[in-house]
Amino acid sequence: MTEATISPRPTFGVWMQAARAFSFTASMTPIVLGAMIALWDASRGVVASDGILWWTAPIIVICSLLVHAGTNLVSEYFDLKKGVDREDTLGSSGVLIKKMLTPKQVLNAGNLLFVLCFALGLILVWQRGTPIFVLGLIGLLGGYAYTGSPIGYKYWALGDVLVFLLMGPMMVGGSYYVLTGTYSTDVFLLSVPIGFLVTAILAANNVRDINDDARAGAKTMATVLGERKAKMEYVLLVLGAYAWVVAMVVTKHAEPWILITLVSLPPALKNIKAVQAIDLSNIRASAMVDVSTAQHHAMFGVLFSLGILLSVWF
């Protein structure tokens, strides 16, 4: 691939565009939720309040942002290299298509962020030991291998399952474990709705791009399922998050305060309608379905975390 002549000092804004900063709420939401669950468990005596390492919270946040941004940058590079991103597609940030950065710059930046995350994460390993080293390594490998050679599991219809695990239960549970040094079934159960909704972001993107991905030879869950079933997957993921929350309350795994998440149901239904209305012959009319789904994921996550916090106070 020929490198274009580009300004040697791209602006901060260009790098934020390349890293798709708008999506960072997807990695911050599970971290905050893990912290709120730790606070709730401390208030109930499930964990010792004086044993929670709150000073590690900023490090957890920074590491999460580094691996998320690194994943996005590496994805930007490999999506272009594999022909998934082209001038007539919508999936990329546009910095490579518009030659605002070179592929080499983007790949090197992504790899650098992974290295920085690994180095900073050693502080967490020092505090919590081997389990965090293993979790961190899985997170880093999962981020790179999303599109990176030789695996690129995004292109083999494994993105939905692994994004659910990596950015749902693993991020919530990892945050909780670093803070408390413990783990429980309830932490996993409370992480599931967030996993559903972060997967819905990818599902919305894949429905919209189903024809472009198929043309590039990239297998996604949407290309495997087909348009109709892929749209149904989105519905099940979004509504499944609410059904799970209700089930958590009914089975007494959580306090009724988390039902405050139902406030976010109207935008969820609006997004469902938008995804169902995607016309593959005019995908530009649905260009923002993944962004609106990410916004809903953030809204749900804030309300969910607030519900857990209210469970501490009342």
Protein backbone atom coordinates (compact mmCIF):
# COMPACT_ATOMS: atom_id res chain seq x y z
CA MET A 1 0.00 0.00 0.00
CA THR A 2 1.46 3.35 -1.02
CA GLU A 3 1.85 5.83 1.83
CA ALA A 4 0.43 9.23 1.05
CA THR A 5 2.31 12.41 1.82
CA ILE A 6 0.73 13.71 4.99
CA SER A 7 1.54 16.47 7.40
CA PRO A 8 4.08 15.13 9.94
CA ARG A 9 2.10 16.66 12.79
CA PRO A 10 -1.55 15.63 12.59
CA THR A 11 -3.75 17.54 15.00
CA PHE A 12 -5.11 16.12 18.23
CA GLY A 13 -8.57 16.25 16.69
CA VAL A 14 -7.48 14.02 13.81
CA TRP A 15 -6.12 11.45 16.25
CA MET A 16 -9.37 11.56 18.26
CA GLN A 17 -11.28 11.01 15.05
CA ALA A 18 -9.03 8.06 14.16
CA ALA A 19 -9.50 6.56 17.62
CA ARG A 20 -13.28 7.15 17.37
CA ALA A 21 -13.43 8.93 20.70
CA PHE A 22 -17.24 9.08 20.48
CA SER A 23 -17.24 5.34 21.24
CA PHE A 24 -15.21 5.55 24.46
CA THR A 25 -18.36 5.46 26.58
CA ALA A 26 -18.60 1.80 25.57
CA SER A 27 -15.50 1.01 27.63
CA MET A 28 -16.13 3.52 30.42
CA THR A 29 -19.64 2.28 31.19
CA PRO A 30 -18.63 -1.23 32.37
CA ILE A 31 -15.76 0.20 34.43
CA VAL A 32 -18.11 2.57 36.27
CA LEU A 33 -20.63 -0.23 36.79
CA GLY A 34 -17.95 -2.47 38.29
CA ALA A 35 -17.04 0.31 40.71
CA MET A 36 -20.67 0.87 41.72
CA ILE A 37 -21.16 -2.85 42.37
CA ALA A 38 -18.05 -2.79 44.57
CA LEU A 39 -19.49 0.15 46.50
CA TRP A 40 -22.83 -1.65 46.89
CA ASP A 41 -21.17 -4.85 48.08
CA ALA A 42 -19.14 -2.87 50.61
CA SER A 43 -22.33 -1.29 51.97
CA ARG A 44 -23.82 -4.79 52.43
CA GLY A 45 -20.72 -6.25 54.01
CA VAL A 46 -20.11 -8.58 51.06
CA VAL A 47 -16.62 -7.12 50.77
CA ALA A 48 -14.62 -5.17 53.32
CA SER A 49 -14.96 -1.45 52.61
CA ASP A 50 -11.45 -0.78 53.89
CA GLY A 51 -10.11 -3.35 51.43
CA ILE A 52 -11.33 -1.58 48.28
CA LEU A 53 -8.39 -0.03 46.40
CA TRP A 54 -10.09 3.12 45.14
CA TRP A 55 -6.74 4.62 44.13
CA THR A 56 -6.58 2.05 41.32
CA ALA A 57 -9.77 3.41 39.70
CA PRO A 58 -7.98 6.07 37.57
CA ILE A 59 -5.50 3.45 36.36
CA ILE A 60 -8.35 1.10 35.39
CA VAL A 61 -9.98 3.94 33.44
CA ILE A 62 -6.78 4.89 31.62
CA CYS A 63 -5.96 1.27 30.75
CA SER A 64 -9.47 0.75 29.41
CA LEU A 65 -9.26 3.86 27.25
CA LEU A 66 -5.83 2.85 25.95
CA VAL A 67 -6.91 -0.63 24.89
CA HIS A 68 -10.16 0.69 23.38
CA ALA A 69 -8.40 3.40 21.38
CA GLY A 70 -5.68 0.95 20.37
CA THR A 71 -8.29 -1.51 19.15
CA ASN A 72 -10.01 1.17 17.09
CA LEU A 73 -6.74 2.32 15.50
CA VAL A 74 -5.62 -1.21 14.63
CA SER A 75 -9.11 -1.90 13.26
CA GLU A 76 -8.86 1.22 11.12
CA TYR A 77 -5.64 -0.10 9.59
CA PHE A 78 -6.74 -3.68 8.92
CA ASP A 79 -10.24 -2.74 7.68
CA LEU A 80 -8.58 -0.61 5.00
CA LYS A 81 -5.98 -3.24 4.20
CA LYS A 82 -8.61 -5.98 3.80
CA GLY A 83 -10.85 -3.79 1.64
CA VAL A 84 -13.66 -3.55 4.20
CA ASP A 85 -13.27 0.25 4.31
CA ARG A 86 -13.41 2.06 0.99
CA GLU A 87 -14.43 5.50 -0.21
CA ASP A 88 -18.03 4.35 -0.68
CA THR A 89 -18.43 2.68 2.76
CA LEU A 90 -19.44 4.11 6.13
CA GLY A 91 -17.64 1.99 8.70
CA SER A 92 -14.37 3.85 9.15
CA SER A 93 -13.41 7.10 10.86
CA GLY A 94 -12.36 8.43 7.46
CA VAL A 95 -8.81 9.42 8.41
CA LEU A 96 -7.19 6.87 6.10
CA ILE A 97 -9.70 7.13 3.29
CA LYS A 98 -9.25 10.91 3.29
CA LYS A 99 -5.47 10.54 3.73
CA MET A 100 -5.43 12.57 6.94
CA LEU A 101 -3.03 9.96 8.36
CA THR A 102 -0.98 7.19 6.78
CA PRO A 103 -1.73 3.52 7.48
CA LYS A 104 1.69 3.15 9.10
CA GLN A 105 1.02 6.05 11.47
CA VAL A 106 -2.31 4.56 12.53
CA LEU A 107 -0.98 1.03 13.06
CA ASN A 108 2.07 2.26 14.99
CA ALA A 109 -0.11 4.45 17.19
CA GLY A 110 -2.43 1.56 17.94
CA ASN A 111 0.45 -0.72 18.87
CA LEU A 112 1.97 2.00 21.05
CA LEU A 113 -1.29 2.34 23.01
CA PHE A 114 -1.34 -1.41 23.62
CA VAL A 115 2.23 -1.26 24.93
CA LEU A 116 1.39 1.68 27.21
CA CYS A 117 -1.66 -0.19 28.52
CA PHE A 118 0.46 -3.25 29.27
CA ALA A 119 3.07 -1.18 31.11
CA LEU A 120 0.52 0.73 33.19
CA GLY A 121 -1.43 -2.44 33.86
CA LEU A 122 1.58 -3.93 35.64
CA ILE A 123 0.70 -1.67 38.57
CA LEU A 124 -2.64 -3.47 38.84
CA VAL A 125 -0.90 -6.84 38.51
CA TRP A 126 1.44 -5.83 41.34
CA GLN A 127 -1.61 -5.23 43.55
CA ARG A 128 -3.85 -8.14 42.56
CA GLY A 129 -1.54 -10.74 41.07
CA THR A 130 -1.83 -13.36 38.35
CA PRO A 131 -5.63 -13.16 37.74
CA ILE A 132 -5.31 -9.55 36.61
CA PHE A 133 -2.29 -10.36 34.46
CA VAL A 134 -4.32 -13.05 32.70
CA LEU A 135 -7.39 -10.82 32.34
CA GLY A 136 -5.28 -7.95 31.05
CA LEU A 137 -3.51 -10.14 28.54
CA ILE A 138 -6.83 -11.51 27.28
CA GLY A 139 -8.09 -7.95 26.91
CA LEU A 140 -5.02 -6.81 24.97
CA LEU A 141 -4.99 -9.86 22.71
CA GLY A 142 -8.74 -9.60 22.23
CA GLY A 143 -8.41 -5.95 21.22
CA TYR A 144 -5.62 -6.55 18.71
CA ALA A 145 -7.01 -9.80 17.31
CA TYR A 146 -10.41 -8.17 16.66
CA THR A 147 -9.10 -7.27 13.20
CA GLY A 148 -5.34 -7.83 13.50
CA SER A 149 -3.56 -10.58 11.59
CA PRO A 150 -3.34 -13.51 11.74
CA ILE A 151 -6.67 -13.93 13.58
CA GLY A 152 -9.06 -11.07 12.81
CA TYR A 153 -12.03 -12.72 14.51
CA LYS A 154 -14.25 -9.82 13.44
CA TYR A 155 -14.04 -11.23 9.91
CA TRP A 156 -15.10 -14.72 11.04
CA ALA A 157 -18.49 -13.88 12.61
CA LEU A 158 -17.04 -14.05 16.13
CA GLY A 159 -17.17 -10.32 16.84
CA ASP A 160 -20.56 -10.33 18.55
CA VAL A 161 -19.75 -13.13 21.00
CA LEU A 162 -16.30 -11.86 21.92
CA VAL A 163 -17.32 -8.20 22.17
CA PHE A 164 -20.09 -9.31 24.55
CA LEU A 165 -17.59 -11.14 26.74
CA LEU A 166 -14.71 -8.67 26.53
CA MET A 167 -16.68 -5.43 26.96
CA GLY A 168 -19.41 -6.82 29.18
CA PRO A 169 -18.64 -9.43 31.87
CA MET A 170 -14.86 -9.20 31.57
CA MET A 171 -14.62 -5.40 31.86
CA VAL A 172 -17.19 -5.19 34.66
CA GLY A 173 -15.66 -8.16 36.46
CA GLY A 174 -12.11 -6.96 35.90
CA SER A 175 -12.90 -3.53 37.32
CA TYR A 176 -14.61 -5.12 40.31
CA TYR A 177 -11.76 -7.56 40.94
CA VAL A 178 -9.04 -4.91 40.82
CA LEU A 179 -10.98 -2.79 43.31
CA THR A 180 -12.00 -5.57 45.70
CA GLY A 181 -9.74 -8.55 45.07
CA THR A 182 -12.83 -10.78 44.87
CA TYR A 183 -15.50 -11.88 42.41
CA SER A 184 -19.00 -13.35 42.59
CA THR A 185 -21.81 -14.72 40.46
CA ASP A 186 -23.84 -11.55 41.07
CA VAL A 187 -21.09 -9.45 39.47
CA PHE A 188 -21.39 -11.55 36.34
CA LEU A 189 -25.19 -11.39 36.35
CA LEU A 190 -25.17 -7.61 36.71
CA SER A 191 -22.73 -7.29 33.81
CA VAL A 192 -24.90 -9.13 31.29
CA PRO A 193 -27.21 -6.21 30.25
CA ILE A 194 -24.17 -4.05 29.53
CA GLY A 195 -22.75 -6.89 27.44
CA PHE A 196 -26.01 -7.13 25.49
CA LEU A 197 -26.05 -3.43 24.68
CA VAL A 198 -22.40 -3.08 23.72
CA THR A 199 -22.94 -6.01 21.34
CA ALA A 200 -25.98 -4.18 19.97
CA ILE A 201 -23.66 -1.35 18.86
CA LEU A 202 -21.71 -3.82 16.74
CA ALA A 203 -24.91 -5.50 15.54
CA ALA A 204 -26.34 -2.17 14.33
CA ASN A 205 -23.11 -1.42 12.49
CA ASN A 206 -23.07 -4.87 10.90
CA VAL A 207 -26.69 -4.72 9.72
CA ARG A 208 -26.04 -1.39 8.04
CA ASP A 209 -22.81 -2.63 6.43
CA ILE A 210 -23.97 -6.14 5.55
CA ASN A 211 -23.57 -5.70 1.78
CA ASP A 212 -20.21 -3.91 2.03
CA ASP A 213 -18.83 -6.57 4.36
CA ALA A 214 -20.05 -9.40 2.12
CA ARG A 215 -18.47 -7.72 -0.91
CA ALA A 216 -15.15 -7.54 0.93
CA GLY A 217 -15.38 -11.21 1.94
CA ALA A 218 -15.70 -10.36 5.65
CA LYS A 219 -17.99 -12.65 7.61
CA THR A 220 -19.94 -10.94 10.36
CA MET A 221 -22.87 -12.28 12.34
CA ALA A 222 -25.09 -10.19 10.10
CA THR A 223 -23.72 -11.64 6.85
CA VAL A 224 -24.13 -15.16 8.28
CA LEU A 225 -27.66 -14.60 9.59
CA GLY A 226 -28.93 -12.48 6.72
CA GLU A 227 -30.67 -9.12 6.94
CA ARG A 228 -33.96 -10.19 8.57
CA LYS A 229 -32.42 -12.36 11.29
CA ALA A 230 -29.63 -9.85 11.90
CA LYS A 231 -32.23 -7.17 12.57
CA MET A 232 -33.97 -9.56 14.97
CA GLU A 233 -30.66 -10.14 16.75
CA TYR A 234 -30.53 -6.40 17.43
CA VAL A 235 -34.05 -6.43 18.86
CA LEU A 236 -33.24 -9.38 21.14
CA LEU A 237 -30.05 -7.74 22.40
CA VAL A 238 -31.70 -4.43 23.24
CA LEU A 239 -34.90 -5.79 24.77
CA GLY A 240 -32.94 -8.59 26.38
CA ALA A 241 -31.07 -6.01 28.47
CA TYR A 242 -34.33 -4.77 29.97
CA ALA A 243 -35.72 -8.26 30.47
CA TRP A 244 -32.51 -9.21 32.30
CA VAL A 245 -32.76 -6.20 34.62
CA VAL A 246 -36.35 -7.08 35.53
CA ALA A 247 -35.33 -10.71 36.11
CA MET A 248 -32.51 -9.57 38.42
CA VAL A 249 -35.01 -7.70 40.58
CA VAL A 250 -37.61 -10.49 40.55
CA THR A 251 -35.00 -13.05 41.60
CA LYS A 252 -33.65 -10.68 44.27
CA HIS A 253 -30.15 -10.50 42.82
CA ALA A 254 -30.53 -6.71 42.73
CA GLU A 255 -32.57 -3.97 44.36
CA PRO A 256 -35.63 -2.48 42.59
CA TRP A 257 -33.70 0.77 42.16
CA ILE A 258 -32.06 -0.63 39.01
CA LEU A 259 -35.49 -0.48 37.33
CA ILE A 260 -34.62 3.18 36.79
CA THR A 261 -33.04 1.88 33.57
CA LEU A 262 -36.58 1.67 32.15
CA VAL A 263 -36.34 5.45 31.70
CA SER A 264 -34.09 4.69 28.73
CA LEU A 265 -36.66 2.43 27.05
CA PRO A 266 -38.16 5.10 24.70
CA PRO A 267 -34.81 5.80 22.91
CA ALA A 268 -34.22 2.04 22.81
CA LEU A 269 -37.51 1.53 20.98
CA LYS A 270 -36.64 4.41 18.65
CA ASN A 271 -33.34 2.73 17.81
CA ILE A 272 -35.07 -0.60 17.22
CA LYS A 273 -37.42 1.11 14.78
CA ALA A 274 -34.46 2.76 13.02
CA VAL A 275 -32.58 -0.53 12.63
CA GLN A 276 -35.69 -2.32 11.38
CA ALA A 277 -36.11 0.46 8.81
CA ILE A 278 -32.57 0.16 7.41
CA ASP A 279 -32.76 0.08 3.63
CA LEU A 280 -29.68 -1.63 2.24
CA SER A 281 -30.10 0.20 -1.04
CA ASN A 282 -29.71 3.54 0.79
CA ILE A 283 -27.55 2.90 3.86
CA ARG A 284 -26.46 6.53 4.14
CA ALA A 285 -29.94 7.30 5.45
CA SER A 286 -29.06 5.00 8.38
CA ALA A 287 -25.48 6.13 8.84
CA MET A 288 -25.93 6.96 12.53
CA VAL A 289 -27.60 3.78 13.82
CA ASP A 290 -24.41 2.60 15.52
CA VAL A 291 -23.78 6.02 17.08
CA SER A 292 -27.35 6.28 18.42
CA THR A 293 -27.02 2.75 19.81
CA ALA A 294 -23.75 3.74 21.52
CA GLN A 295 -25.51 6.75 23.02
CA HIS A 296 -28.28 4.51 24.31
CA HIS A 297 -25.72 2.09 25.78
CA ALA A 298 -24.17 5.02 27.67
CA MET A 299 -27.56 6.29 28.88
CA PHE A 300 -28.59 2.82 30.07
CA GLY A 301 -25.21 2.37 31.77
CA VAL A 302 -25.47 5.66 33.65
CA LEU A 303 -28.97 4.81 34.85
CA PHE A 304 -27.93 1.27 35.78
CA SER A 305 -24.96 2.56 37.78
CA LEU A 306 -27.22 5.16 39.40
CA GLY A 307 -29.65 2.40 40.36
CA ILE A 308 -26.82 0.49 42.05
CA LEU A 309 -25.73 3.68 43.81
CA LEU A 310 -29.27 4.32 45.04
CA SER A 311 -29.21 0.79 46.43
CA VAL A 312 -26.25 1.91 48.56
CA TRP A 313 -27.98 5.01 49.87
CA PHE A 314 -31.48 3.65 50.50
